[in-house]
Amino acid sequence: MVPDGMMQMSGNMVHSNFADIGWSLHWTGFLVGLVAWSFLSGLFVWAIAATYNRLLG
């Protein structure tokens, strides 16, 4: 939502200066990220559910 503030905060956390790095997001990157995050989230929830069900017996 606020890329400038996030870049500054991230830079402070790793003791670097990210102020000169530009922000670029295209529709292709957005869609690939959306699919990847959806898949990984589903995989993570499946693993938790499988572990939970196995612990219940």
C-alpha atoms as a PDB file:
ATOM      1  CA  MET A   1       0.000   0.000   0.000  1.00  0.00           C
ATOM      2  CA  VAL A   2       2.894   2.372   0.747  1.00  0.00           C
ATOM      3  CA  PRO A   3       5.980   1.106  -1.095  1.00  0.00           C
ATOM      4  CA  ASP A   4       8.243   3.998  -0.063  1.00  0.00           C
ATOM      5  CA  GLY A   5       7.635   3.443   3.643  1.00  0.00           C
ATOM      6  CA  MET A   6       7.997  -0.311   3.270  1.00  0.00           C
ATOM      7  CA  MET A   7      11.293   0.032   1.406  1.00  0.00           C
ATOM      8  CA  GLN A   8      12.612   2.346   4.107  1.00  0.00           C
ATOM      9  CA  MET A   9      11.496   0.014   6.910  1.00  0.00           C
ATOM     10  CA  SER A  10      12.954  -3.051   5.146  1.00  0.00           C
ATOM     11  CA  GLY A  11      16.219  -1.205   4.598  1.00  0.00           C
ATOM     12  CA  ASN A  12      16.409  -0.297   8.273  1.00  0.00           C
ATOM     13  CA  MET A  13      15.813  -3.935   9.285  1.00  0.00           C
ATOM     14  CA  VAL A  14      18.781  -5.208   7.236  1.00  0.00           C
ATOM     15  CA  HIS A  15      20.945  -2.087   7.729  1.00  0.00           C
ATOM     16  CA  SER A  16      20.888  -1.182   4.021  1.00  0.00           C
ATOM     17  CA  ASN A  17      19.737   1.722   1.895  1.00  0.00           C
ATOM     18  CA  PHE A  18      16.911   0.677  -0.418  1.00  0.00           C
ATOM     19  CA  ALA A  19      15.888   4.239  -1.296  1.00  0.00           C
ATOM     20  CA  ASP A  20      17.430   4.052  -4.793  1.00  0.00           C
ATOM     21  CA  ILE A  21      15.647   0.823  -5.742  1.00  0.00           C
ATOM     22  CA  GLY A  22      12.622   1.415  -7.939  1.00  0.00           C
ATOM     23  CA  TRP A  23       9.228  -0.246  -7.616  1.00  0.00           C
ATOM     24  CA  SER A  24       7.933  -2.038 -10.695  1.00  0.00           C
ATOM     25  CA  LEU A  25       4.935  -4.359 -10.870  1.00  0.00           C
ATOM     26  CA  HIS A  26       3.335  -5.442 -14.124  1.00  0.00           C
ATOM     27  CA  TRP A  27       0.192  -7.498 -14.710  1.00  0.00           C
ATOM     28  CA  THR A  28       2.249 -10.576 -15.558  1.00  0.00           C
ATOM     29  CA  GLY A  29       4.112 -10.442 -12.262  1.00  0.00           C
ATOM     30  CA  PHE A  30       0.877  -9.778 -10.387  1.00  0.00           C
ATOM     31  CA  LEU A  31      -0.854 -12.796 -11.913  1.00  0.00           C
ATOM     32  CA  VAL A  32       2.135 -15.110 -11.441  1.00  0.00           C
ATOM     33  CA  GLY A  33       2.419 -14.020  -7.818  1.00  0.00           C
ATOM     34  CA  LEU A  34      -1.308 -14.490  -7.282  1.00  0.00           C
ATOM     35  CA  VAL A  35      -1.219 -18.044  -8.636  1.00  0.00           C
ATOM     36  CA  ALA A  36       1.979 -18.919  -6.743  1.00  0.00           C
ATOM     37  CA  TRP A  37       0.705 -17.565  -3.393  1.00  0.00           C
ATOM     38  CA  SER A  38      -2.640 -19.321  -3.869  1.00  0.00           C
ATOM     39  CA  PHE A  39      -0.942 -22.639  -4.640  1.00  0.00           C
ATOM     40  CA  LEU A  40       1.526 -22.372  -1.761  1.00  0.00           C
ATOM     41  CA  SER A  41      -1.203 -21.344   0.678  1.00  0.00           C
ATOM     42  CA  GLY A  42      -3.341 -24.297  -0.376  1.00  0.00           C
ATOM     43  CA  LEU A  43      -0.389 -26.653  -0.020  1.00  0.00           C
ATOM     44  CA  PHE A  44       0.367 -25.306   3.455  1.00  0.00           C
ATOM     45  CA  VAL A  45      -3.248 -25.653   4.613  1.00  0.00           C
ATOM     46  CA  TRP A  46      -3.413 -29.182   3.168  1.00  0.00           C
ATOM     47  CA  ALA A  47      -0.252 -30.155   5.078  1.00  0.00           C
ATOM     48  CA  ILE A  48      -1.640 -28.778   8.339  1.00  0.00           C
ATOM     49  CA  ALA A  49      -4.984 -30.559   7.819  1.00  0.00           C
ATOM     50  CA  ALA A  50      -3.261 -33.841   6.967  1.00  0.00           C
ATOM     51  CA  THR A  51      -1.081 -33.592  10.077  1.00  0.00           C
ATOM     52  CA  TYR A  52      -4.070 -32.720  12.242  1.00  0.00           C
ATOM     53  CA  ASN A  53      -6.127 -35.624  10.900  1.00  0.00           C
ATOM     54  CA  ARG A  54      -3.233 -38.042  11.354  1.00  0.00           C
ATOM     55  CA  LEU A  55      -2.780 -36.951  14.978  1.00  0.00           C
ATOM     56  CA  LEU A  56      -6.467 -37.587  15.648  1.00  0.00           C
ATOM     57  CA  GLY A  57      -6.097 -41.108  14.378  1.00  0.00           C
END
